[in-house]
Amino acid sequence: MSREAHRRSVTSRAMDGFVERGGLWVSAQAVLLVAIVWIGRLDLMTFSFDGQQAVGWTLIGLAVVIGVAASRSLGGNLTPYPKPVVAGTMVEHGLYRVVRHPIYSAVIVGMIGIALRGGDWISLALAVGLVPFFYAKSTFEERHLVECYPSYVEYQRRVPKRMVPGIL
């Protein structure tokens, strides 16, 4: 096999693995997050209210706390991909006792905080648009979680909400 054919073969396998693990979800998520921050800096359709900066910073702080706590609970199971790590274990402690996807919650809350700080309606709309995006991503992820961990079905019954206790 020529050097070029070998390189294409390796690249093709890597791309197949990326897509199989849910890399397209990760890519779309990255594009959305960058767009929220970038568009917020353009000042296209701005808004302002008393306490806007304080609310934005509070949400960002809350997102950091939620994200760190959830990440610590996941430990070695943490991955940006919606497909679970190969040698992983099912996590049901910490914030995972309250919602099934607290890191997604953290990202949404943080991005809304960033959008509020920037004060741009388009950025805020994209941040709120993360809710259906992460709901769809979590649906894809949970299919794989059920395959890896048969007890995940019972966990879904015990913890019925994905991202917001009592609501979503």
N, C-alpha and C. Protein backbone atom coordinates (compact mmCIF):
# COMPACT_ATOMS: atom_id res chain seq x y z
N MET A 1 0.86 -1.17 0.00
CA MET A 1 0.00 0.00 0.00
C MET A 1 0.91 1.24 0.00
N SER A 2 0.59 2.18 -0.87
CA SER A 2 1.38 3.40 -0.94
C SER A 2 1.17 4.23 0.33
N ARG A 3 2.11 5.11 0.55
CA ARG A 3 2.04 5.99 1.72
C ARG A 3 0.75 6.81 1.70
N GLU A 4 0.36 7.34 0.55
CA GLU A 4 -0.86 8.15 0.42
C GLU A 4 -2.10 7.30 0.66
N ALA A 5 -2.13 6.08 0.13
CA ALA A 5 -3.28 5.20 0.35
C ALA A 5 -3.40 4.84 1.82
N HIS A 6 -2.27 4.61 2.48
CA HIS A 6 -2.27 4.31 3.91
C HIS A 6 -2.82 5.50 4.71
N ARG A 7 -2.37 6.71 4.37
CA ARG A 7 -2.83 7.91 5.06
C ARG A 7 -4.34 8.08 4.90
N ARG A 8 -4.85 7.85 3.67
CA ARG A 8 -6.30 7.97 3.44
C ARG A 8 -7.06 6.91 4.22
N SER A 9 -6.52 5.71 4.31
CA SER A 9 -7.16 4.63 5.06
C SER A 9 -7.24 4.96 6.54
N VAL A 10 -6.14 5.46 7.10
CA VAL A 10 -6.11 5.84 8.52
C VAL A 10 -7.07 6.99 8.77
N THR A 11 -7.07 7.99 7.89
CA THR A 11 -7.97 9.14 8.03
C THR A 11 -9.42 8.69 7.94
N SER A 12 -9.73 7.79 7.02
CA SER A 12 -11.10 7.28 6.86
C SER A 12 -11.55 6.54 8.11
N ARG A 13 -10.70 5.69 8.67
CA ARG A 13 -11.06 4.96 9.90
C ARG A 13 -11.27 5.92 11.06
N ALA A 14 -10.40 6.93 11.16
CA ALA A 14 -10.55 7.91 12.24
C ALA A 14 -11.86 8.67 12.11
N MET A 15 -12.20 9.06 10.88
CA MET A 15 -13.46 9.78 10.66
C MET A 15 -14.65 8.89 10.95
N ASP A 16 -14.58 7.62 10.55
CA ASP A 16 -15.67 6.68 10.85
C ASP A 16 -15.86 6.57 12.36
N GLY A 17 -14.77 6.47 13.12
CA GLY A 17 -14.85 6.39 14.58
C GLY A 17 -15.43 7.66 15.17
N PHE A 18 -15.06 8.80 14.62
CA PHE A 18 -15.56 10.09 15.09
C PHE A 18 -17.07 10.15 14.90
N VAL A 19 -17.55 9.78 13.73
CA VAL A 19 -18.98 9.82 13.44
C VAL A 19 -19.71 8.79 14.29
N GLU A 20 -19.15 7.58 14.39
CA GLU A 20 -19.79 6.52 15.16
C GLU A 20 -19.97 6.90 16.64
N ARG A 21 -19.01 7.61 17.20
CA ARG A 21 -19.08 8.01 18.62
C ARG A 21 -20.01 9.20 18.82
N GLY A 22 -20.50 9.78 17.75
CA GLY A 22 -21.39 10.94 17.87
C GLY A 22 -20.66 12.25 17.66
N GLY A 23 -19.56 12.20 16.94
CA GLY A 23 -18.76 13.39 16.72
C GLY A 23 -19.48 14.50 15.99
N LEU A 24 -20.46 14.16 15.15
CA LEU A 24 -21.21 15.21 14.47
C LEU A 24 -22.02 16.03 15.47
N TRP A 25 -22.52 15.38 16.52
CA TRP A 25 -23.21 16.10 17.60
C TRP A 25 -22.24 17.07 18.28
N VAL A 26 -21.04 16.59 18.54
CA VAL A 26 -20.02 17.41 19.21
C VAL A 26 -19.65 18.60 18.32
N SER A 27 -19.51 18.36 17.03
CA SER A 27 -19.19 19.44 16.10
C SER A 27 -20.30 20.49 16.04
N ALA A 28 -21.54 20.04 15.94
CA ALA A 28 -22.68 20.97 15.91
C ALA A 28 -22.75 21.77 17.20
N GLN A 29 -22.50 21.11 18.31
CA GLN A 29 -22.51 21.78 19.61
C GLN A 29 -21.42 22.86 19.64
N ALA A 30 -20.24 22.56 19.18
CA ALA A 30 -19.15 23.54 19.16
C ALA A 30 -19.51 24.74 18.31
N VAL A 31 -20.12 24.50 17.15
CA VAL A 31 -20.52 25.59 16.27
C VAL A 31 -21.54 26.48 16.98
N LEU A 32 -22.52 25.88 17.63
CA LEU A 32 -23.54 26.66 18.36
C LEU A 32 -22.91 27.50 19.47
N LEU A 33 -22.03 26.91 20.25
CA LEU A 33 -21.42 27.64 21.37
C LEU A 33 -20.57 28.80 20.87
N VAL A 34 -19.80 28.57 19.82
CA VAL A 34 -18.99 29.65 19.25
C VAL A 34 -19.91 30.74 18.69
N ALA A 35 -20.99 30.36 18.02
CA ALA A 35 -21.92 31.34 17.46
C ALA A 35 -22.56 32.20 18.54
N ILE A 36 -22.92 31.59 19.66
CA ILE A 36 -23.53 32.36 20.76
C ILE A 36 -22.58 33.43 21.24
N VAL A 37 -21.34 33.05 21.46
CA VAL A 37 -20.34 34.01 21.97
C VAL A 37 -20.01 35.05 20.89
N TRP A 38 -19.76 34.61 19.67
CA TRP A 38 -19.34 35.50 18.60
C TRP A 38 -20.44 36.49 18.22
N ILE A 39 -21.66 35.99 18.03
CA ILE A 39 -22.77 36.86 17.64
C ILE A 39 -23.05 37.87 18.74
N GLY A 40 -22.91 37.44 20.00
CA GLY A 40 -23.12 38.36 21.11
C GLY A 40 -22.17 39.54 21.09
N ARG A 41 -21.03 39.38 20.47
CA ARG A 41 -20.04 40.46 20.38
C ARG A 41 -20.32 41.41 19.21
N LEU A 42 -21.21 41.05 18.31
CA LEU A 42 -21.49 41.88 17.14
C LEU A 42 -22.47 43.01 17.44
N ASP A 43 -23.20 42.92 18.57
CA ASP A 43 -24.18 43.95 18.93
C ASP A 43 -25.19 44.20 17.80
N LEU A 44 -25.76 43.12 17.28
CA LEU A 44 -26.70 43.24 16.17
C LEU A 44 -28.07 43.75 16.63
N MET A 45 -28.62 43.11 17.63
CA MET A 45 -29.95 43.46 18.15
C MET A 45 -29.85 43.45 19.67
N THR A 46 -29.41 44.54 20.23
CA THR A 46 -29.09 44.55 21.66
C THR A 46 -30.31 44.86 22.53
N PHE A 47 -30.17 44.46 23.78
CA PHE A 47 -31.15 44.77 24.81
C PHE A 47 -30.40 45.07 26.09
N SER A 48 -31.07 45.72 27.01
CA SER A 48 -30.44 46.04 28.28
C SER A 48 -31.52 46.19 29.34
N PHE A 49 -31.21 45.73 30.55
CA PHE A 49 -32.11 45.93 31.67
C PHE A 49 -31.27 46.04 32.94
N ASP A 50 -31.86 46.63 33.97
CA ASP A 50 -31.14 46.78 35.24
C ASP A 50 -30.77 45.41 35.78
N GLY A 51 -29.54 45.27 36.17
CA GLY A 51 -29.09 44.02 36.75
C GLY A 51 -28.71 42.96 35.74
N GLN A 52 -28.71 43.32 34.47
CA GLN A 52 -28.43 42.36 33.40
C GLN A 52 -27.06 41.70 33.59
N GLN A 53 -26.05 42.48 33.90
CA GLN A 53 -24.71 41.92 34.09
C GLN A 53 -24.68 40.98 35.29
N ALA A 54 -25.36 41.37 36.36
CA ALA A 54 -25.39 40.53 37.57
C ALA A 54 -26.09 39.20 37.29
N VAL A 55 -27.20 39.25 36.57
CA VAL A 55 -27.92 38.02 36.24
C VAL A 55 -27.04 37.13 35.35
N GLY A 56 -26.40 37.73 34.36
CA GLY A 56 -25.53 36.97 33.47
C GLY A 56 -24.40 36.30 34.23
N TRP A 57 -23.71 37.06 35.09
CA TRP A 57 -22.61 36.50 35.87
C TRP A 57 -23.09 35.43 36.84
N THR A 58 -24.27 35.62 37.42
CA THR A 58 -24.83 34.62 38.34
C THR A 58 -25.09 33.31 37.61
N LEU A 59 -25.67 33.39 36.42
CA LEU A 59 -25.93 32.18 35.64
C LEU A 59 -24.62 31.49 35.23
N ILE A 60 -23.64 32.28 34.85
CA ILE A 60 -22.34 31.70 34.49
C ILE A 60 -21.73 30.99 35.70
N GLY A 61 -21.79 31.62 36.86
CA GLY A 61 -21.28 31.00 38.08
C GLY A 61 -22.01 29.72 38.42
N LEU A 62 -23.34 29.74 38.31
CA LEU A 62 -24.15 28.56 38.57
C LEU A 62 -23.78 27.44 37.60
N ALA A 63 -23.58 27.79 36.35
CA ALA A 63 -23.20 26.81 35.33
C ALA A 63 -21.87 26.15 35.66
N VAL A 64 -20.92 26.95 36.14
CA VAL A 64 -19.61 26.40 36.51
C VAL A 64 -19.76 25.42 37.66
N VAL A 65 -20.54 25.78 38.67
CA VAL A 65 -20.75 24.90 39.82
C VAL A 65 -21.40 23.59 39.38
N ILE A 66 -22.46 23.68 38.59
CA ILE A 66 -23.16 22.48 38.10
C ILE A 66 -22.21 21.64 37.24
N GLY A 67 -21.52 22.28 36.33
CA GLY A 67 -20.63 21.56 35.42
C GLY A 67 -19.49 20.85 36.14
N VAL A 68 -18.88 21.53 37.10
CA VAL A 68 -17.79 20.91 37.86
C VAL A 68 -18.31 19.74 38.70
N ALA A 69 -19.43 19.94 39.39
CA ALA A 69 -20.00 18.88 40.22
C ALA A 69 -20.37 17.66 39.37
N ALA A 70 -21.01 17.89 38.23
CA ALA A 70 -21.41 16.77 37.37
C ALA A 70 -20.18 16.08 36.78
N SER A 71 -19.19 16.84 36.38
CA SER A 71 -17.96 16.26 35.82
C SER A 71 -17.24 15.41 36.85
N ARG A 72 -17.21 15.88 38.08
CA ARG A 72 -16.57 15.10 39.15
C ARG A 72 -17.32 13.80 39.39
N SER A 73 -18.65 13.85 39.31
CA SER A 73 -19.43 12.62 39.48
C SER A 73 -19.12 11.62 38.37
N LEU A 74 -18.96 12.12 37.15
CA LEU A 74 -18.67 11.23 36.03
C LEU A 74 -17.27 10.65 36.08
N GLY A 75 -16.33 11.42 36.58
CA GLY A 75 -14.95 10.93 36.67
C GLY A 75 -14.45 10.46 35.31
N GLY A 76 -13.94 9.24 35.24
CA GLY A 76 -13.39 8.68 34.01
C GLY A 76 -14.42 8.39 32.94
N ASN A 77 -15.69 8.54 33.25
CA ASN A 77 -16.75 8.34 32.26
C ASN A 77 -16.99 9.59 31.41
N LEU A 78 -16.36 10.69 31.79
CA LEU A 78 -16.58 11.96 31.09
C LEU A 78 -16.03 11.90 29.67
N THR A 79 -16.86 12.25 28.72
CA THR A 79 -16.48 12.30 27.31
C THR A 79 -17.34 13.35 26.63
N PRO A 80 -16.80 14.05 25.63
CA PRO A 80 -17.64 15.00 24.89
C PRO A 80 -18.61 14.30 23.96
N TYR A 81 -18.37 13.02 23.70
CA TYR A 81 -19.19 12.27 22.77
C TYR A 81 -20.44 11.73 23.45
N PRO A 82 -21.54 11.64 22.69
CA PRO A 82 -22.76 11.09 23.28
C PRO A 82 -22.74 9.58 23.46
N LYS A 83 -21.76 8.90 22.90
CA LYS A 83 -21.64 7.46 23.08
C LYS A 83 -20.74 7.23 24.29
N PRO A 84 -21.18 6.38 25.24
CA PRO A 84 -20.40 6.18 26.47
C PRO A 84 -19.01 5.61 26.20
N VAL A 85 -18.08 5.89 27.12
CA VAL A 85 -16.73 5.34 26.99
C VAL A 85 -16.80 3.82 27.13
N VAL A 86 -15.86 3.14 26.49
CA VAL A 86 -15.90 1.68 26.39
C VAL A 86 -15.86 1.01 27.77
N ALA A 87 -14.95 1.39 28.62
CA ALA A 87 -14.80 0.74 29.93
C ALA A 87 -15.51 1.52 31.02
N GLY A 88 -16.57 2.24 30.66
CA GLY A 88 -17.25 3.09 31.61
C GLY A 88 -18.20 2.36 32.55
N THR A 89 -18.71 3.10 33.49
CA THR A 89 -19.71 2.59 34.42
C THR A 89 -20.88 3.57 34.45
N MET A 90 -22.04 3.08 34.80
CA MET A 90 -23.22 3.94 34.88
C MET A 90 -23.13 4.78 36.15
N VAL A 91 -23.40 6.07 36.02
CA VAL A 91 -23.31 7.00 37.15
C VAL A 91 -24.72 7.42 37.55
N GLU A 92 -25.01 7.27 38.85
CA GLU A 92 -26.33 7.65 39.37
C GLU A 92 -26.23 8.51 40.62
N HIS A 93 -25.04 8.95 40.97
CA HIS A 93 -24.88 9.74 42.20
C HIS A 93 -24.64 11.21 41.88
N GLY A 94 -24.58 12.01 42.92
CA GLY A 94 -24.39 13.45 42.73
C GLY A 94 -25.62 14.04 42.05
N LEU A 95 -25.37 14.98 41.15
CA LEU A 95 -26.47 15.61 40.42
C LEU A 95 -27.22 14.65 39.52
N TYR A 96 -26.61 13.50 39.24
CA TYR A 96 -27.27 12.49 38.41
C TYR A 96 -28.42 11.80 39.14
N ARG A 97 -28.58 12.08 40.42
CA ARG A 97 -29.76 11.60 41.15
C ARG A 97 -30.97 12.49 40.88
N VAL A 98 -30.70 13.71 40.37
CA VAL A 98 -31.75 14.71 40.17
C VAL A 98 -32.16 14.82 38.71
N VAL A 99 -31.18 14.88 37.81
CA VAL A 99 -31.42 14.92 36.37
C VAL A 99 -30.40 14.01 35.68
N ARG A 100 -30.75 13.55 34.48
CA ARG A 100 -29.90 12.58 33.79
C ARG A 100 -28.76 13.24 33.01
N HIS A 101 -28.86 14.52 32.71
CA HIS A 101 -27.83 15.20 31.91
C HIS A 101 -27.49 16.57 32.49
N PRO A 102 -26.92 16.61 33.70
CA PRO A 102 -26.63 17.90 34.32
C PRO A 102 -25.56 18.72 33.59
N ILE A 103 -24.65 18.09 32.86
CA ILE A 103 -23.66 18.87 32.14
C ILE A 103 -24.33 19.65 31.01
N TYR A 104 -25.31 19.05 30.36
CA TYR A 104 -26.05 19.78 29.34
C TYR A 104 -26.77 20.97 29.98
N SER A 105 -27.31 20.75 31.17
CA SER A 105 -27.96 21.84 31.90
C SER A 105 -26.97 22.97 32.14
N ALA A 106 -25.77 22.60 32.57
CA ALA A 106 -24.74 23.60 32.86
C ALA A 106 -24.38 24.41 31.62
N VAL A 107 -24.24 23.74 30.49
CA VAL A 107 -23.88 24.44 29.26
C VAL A 107 -25.00 25.41 28.86
N ILE A 108 -26.24 24.97 28.96
CA ILE A 108 -27.37 25.84 28.61
C ILE A 108 -27.41 27.06 29.52
N VAL A 109 -27.33 26.84 30.83
CA VAL A 109 -27.38 27.95 31.80
C VAL A 109 -26.21 28.90 31.56
N GLY A 110 -25.03 28.36 31.35
CA GLY A 110 -23.86 29.20 31.11
C GLY A 110 -23.97 30.02 29.85
N MET A 111 -24.46 29.42 28.78
CA MET A 111 -24.59 30.14 27.51
C MET A 111 -25.68 31.20 27.59
N ILE A 112 -26.74 30.93 28.33
CA ILE A 112 -27.76 31.98 28.54
C ILE A 112 -27.14 33.12 29.33
N GLY A 113 -26.33 32.80 30.33
CA GLY A 113 -25.62 33.84 31.09
C GLY A 113 -24.71 34.66 30.21
N ILE A 114 -23.96 34.01 29.34
CA ILE A 114 -23.07 34.73 28.42
C ILE A 114 -23.88 35.61 27.47
N ALA A 115 -24.99 35.08 26.98
CA ALA A 115 -25.84 35.86 26.07
C ALA A 115 -26.43 37.07 26.79
N LEU A 116 -26.83 36.89 28.04
CA LEU A 116 -27.36 38.03 28.80
C LEU A 116 -26.27 39.08 29.03
N ARG A 117 -25.08 38.64 29.34
CA ARG A 117 -23.97 39.58 29.55
C ARG A 117 -23.71 40.37 28.28
N GLY A 118 -23.78 39.68 27.12
CA GLY A 118 -23.55 40.36 25.84
C GLY A 118 -24.72 41.23 25.42
N GLY A 119 -25.92 40.86 25.88
CA GLY A 119 -27.11 41.66 25.60
C GLY A 119 -27.56 41.65 24.15
N ASP A 120 -27.38 40.54 23.44
CA ASP A 120 -27.82 40.46 22.06
C ASP A 120 -28.93 39.42 21.93
N TRP A 121 -30.05 39.82 21.32
CA TRP A 121 -31.21 38.93 21.19
C TRP A 121 -30.90 37.68 20.37
N ILE A 122 -30.11 37.81 19.33
CA ILE A 122 -29.80 36.65 18.49
C ILE A 122 -28.99 35.63 19.30
N SER A 123 -28.02 36.12 20.03
CA SER A 123 -27.20 35.25 20.88
C SER A 123 -28.08 34.57 21.93
N LEU A 124 -28.99 35.32 22.52
CA LEU A 124 -29.89 34.76 23.53
C LEU A 124 -30.80 33.70 22.91
N ALA A 125 -31.31 33.96 21.71
CA ALA A 125 -32.17 32.99 21.03
C ALA A 125 -31.40 31.70 20.74
N LEU A 126 -30.15 31.82 20.31
CA LEU A 126 -29.32 30.63 20.08
C LEU A 126 -29.08 29.87 21.38
N ALA A 127 -28.84 30.62 22.46
CA ALA A 127 -28.60 29.97 23.75
C ALA A 127 -29.84 29.20 24.21
N VAL A 128 -31.00 29.78 24.07
CA VAL A 128 -32.25 29.09 24.41
C VAL A 128 -32.46 27.91 23.45
N GLY A 129 -32.02 28.06 22.20
CA GLY A 129 -32.10 26.99 21.22
C GLY A 129 -31.26 25.77 21.58
N LEU A 130 -30.38 25.92 22.53
CA LEU A 130 -29.61 24.77 23.00
C LEU A 130 -30.51 23.74 23.69
N VAL A 131 -31.65 24.17 24.22
CA VAL A 131 -32.55 23.25 24.91
C VAL A 131 -33.02 22.14 23.97
N PRO A 132 -33.63 22.45 22.82
CA PRO A 132 -34.03 21.35 21.93
C PRO A 132 -32.82 20.60 21.35
N PHE A 133 -31.72 21.31 21.14
CA PHE A 133 -30.52 20.64 20.63
C PHE A 133 -30.05 19.57 21.62
N PHE A 134 -29.90 19.94 22.89
CA PHE A 134 -29.43 18.97 23.88
C PHE A 134 -30.48 17.91 24.17
N TYR A 135 -31.74 18.23 24.02
CA TYR A 135 -32.77 17.21 24.18
C TYR A 135 -32.60 16.14 23.10
N ALA A 136 -32.38 16.58 21.86
CA ALA A 136 -32.16 15.64 20.75
C ALA A 136 -30.87 14.86 20.96
N LYS A 137 -29.81 15.55 21.37
CA LYS A 137 -28.53 14.88 21.59
C LYS A 137 -28.67 13.85 22.72
N SER A 138 -29.41 14.19 23.76
CA SER A 138 -29.59 13.25 24.88
C SER A 138 -30.42 12.04 24.46
N THR A 139 -31.34 12.22 23.53
CA THR A 139 -32.11 11.08 23.00
C THR A 139 -31.18 10.11 22.30
N PHE A 140 -30.29 10.64 21.47
CA PHE A 140 -29.29 9.82 20.78
C PHE A 140 -28.39 9.13 21.81
N GLU A 141 -27.93 9.88 22.80
CA GLU A 141 -27.05 9.35 23.83
C GLU A 141 -27.72 8.26 24.64
N GLU A 142 -28.96 8.46 25.00
CA GLU A 142 -29.65 7.49 25.86
C GLU A 142 -29.89 6.16 25.15
N ARG A 143 -30.02 6.17 23.83
CA ARG A 143 -30.11 4.90 23.10
C ARG A 143 -28.85 4.07 23.35
N HIS A 144 -27.70 4.72 23.32
CA HIS A 144 -26.44 4.03 23.57
C HIS A 144 -26.28 3.64 25.03
N LEU A 145 -26.75 4.49 25.93
CA LEU A 145 -26.66 4.17 27.36
C LEU A 145 -27.50 2.94 27.70
N VAL A 146 -28.67 2.82 27.09
CA VAL A 146 -29.52 1.64 27.31
C VAL A 146 -28.84 0.38 26.78
N GLU A 147 -28.16 0.51 25.64
CA GLU A 147 -27.43 -0.64 25.09
C GLU A 147 -26.29 -1.07 26.02
N CYS A 148 -25.56 -0.10 26.56
CA CYS A 148 -24.40 -0.40 27.42
C CYS A 148 -24.81 -0.83 28.81
N TYR A 149 -25.86 -0.21 29.33
CA TYR A 149 -26.28 -0.45 30.70
C TYR A 149 -27.78 -0.76 30.73
N PRO A 150 -28.15 -2.03 30.73
CA PRO A 150 -29.58 -2.38 30.74
C PRO A 150 -30.34 -1.75 31.91
N SER A 151 -29.66 -1.50 33.03
CA SER A 151 -30.34 -0.89 34.18
C SER A 151 -30.63 0.60 33.94
N TYR A 152 -30.18 1.15 32.82
CA TYR A 152 -30.45 2.55 32.51
C TYR A 152 -31.95 2.81 32.35
N VAL A 153 -32.68 1.82 31.89
CA VAL A 153 -34.13 1.97 31.72
C VAL A 153 -34.79 2.23 33.07
N GLU A 154 -34.39 1.49 34.09
CA GLU A 154 -34.92 1.72 35.44
C GLU A 154 -34.49 3.09 35.96
N TYR A 155 -33.25 3.48 35.68
CA TYR A 155 -32.74 4.80 36.06
C TYR A 155 -33.59 5.90 35.43
N GLN A 156 -33.98 5.73 34.16
CA GLN A 156 -34.84 6.70 33.49
C GLN A 156 -36.18 6.83 34.20
N ARG A 157 -36.69 5.73 34.73
CA ARG A 157 -37.96 5.78 35.47
C ARG A 157 -37.78 6.52 36.81
N ARG A 158 -36.67 6.23 37.49
CA ARG A 158 -36.41 6.87 38.79
C ARG A 158 -36.08 8.35 38.64
N VAL A 159 -35.39 8.72 37.57
CA VAL A 159 -34.99 10.11 37.33
C VAL A 159 -35.61 10.51 35.99
N PRO A 160 -36.87 10.95 36.03
CA PRO A 160 -37.60 11.17 34.78
C PRO A 160 -37.18 12.41 33.98
N LYS A 161 -36.52 13.36 34.61
CA LYS A 161 -36.17 14.60 33.89
C LYS A 161 -34.73 14.55 33.41
N ARG A 162 -34.53 15.09 32.22
CA ARG A 162 -33.21 15.05 31.62
C ARG A 162 -32.31 16.19 32.08
N MET A 163 -32.87 17.43 32.13
CA MET A 163 -32.01 18.58 32.37
C MET A 163 -32.47 19.55 33.45
N VAL A 164 -33.76 19.64 33.68
CA VAL A 164 -34.27 20.58 34.68
C VAL A 164 -35.23 19.81 35.60
N PRO A 165 -34.89 19.72 36.88
CA PRO A 165 -35.77 18.97 37.80
C PRO A 165 -37.21 19.44 37.73
N GLY A 166 -38.15 18.50 37.59
CA GLY A 166 -39.56 18.81 37.60
C GLY A 166 -40.09 19.43 36.32
N ILE A 167 -39.21 19.75 35.36
CA ILE A 167 -39.68 20.45 34.16
C ILE A 167 -39.29 19.73 32.88
N LEU A 168 -38.01 19.51 32.68
CA LEU A 168 -37.53 18.98 31.39
C LEU A 168 -36.55 17.84 31.61
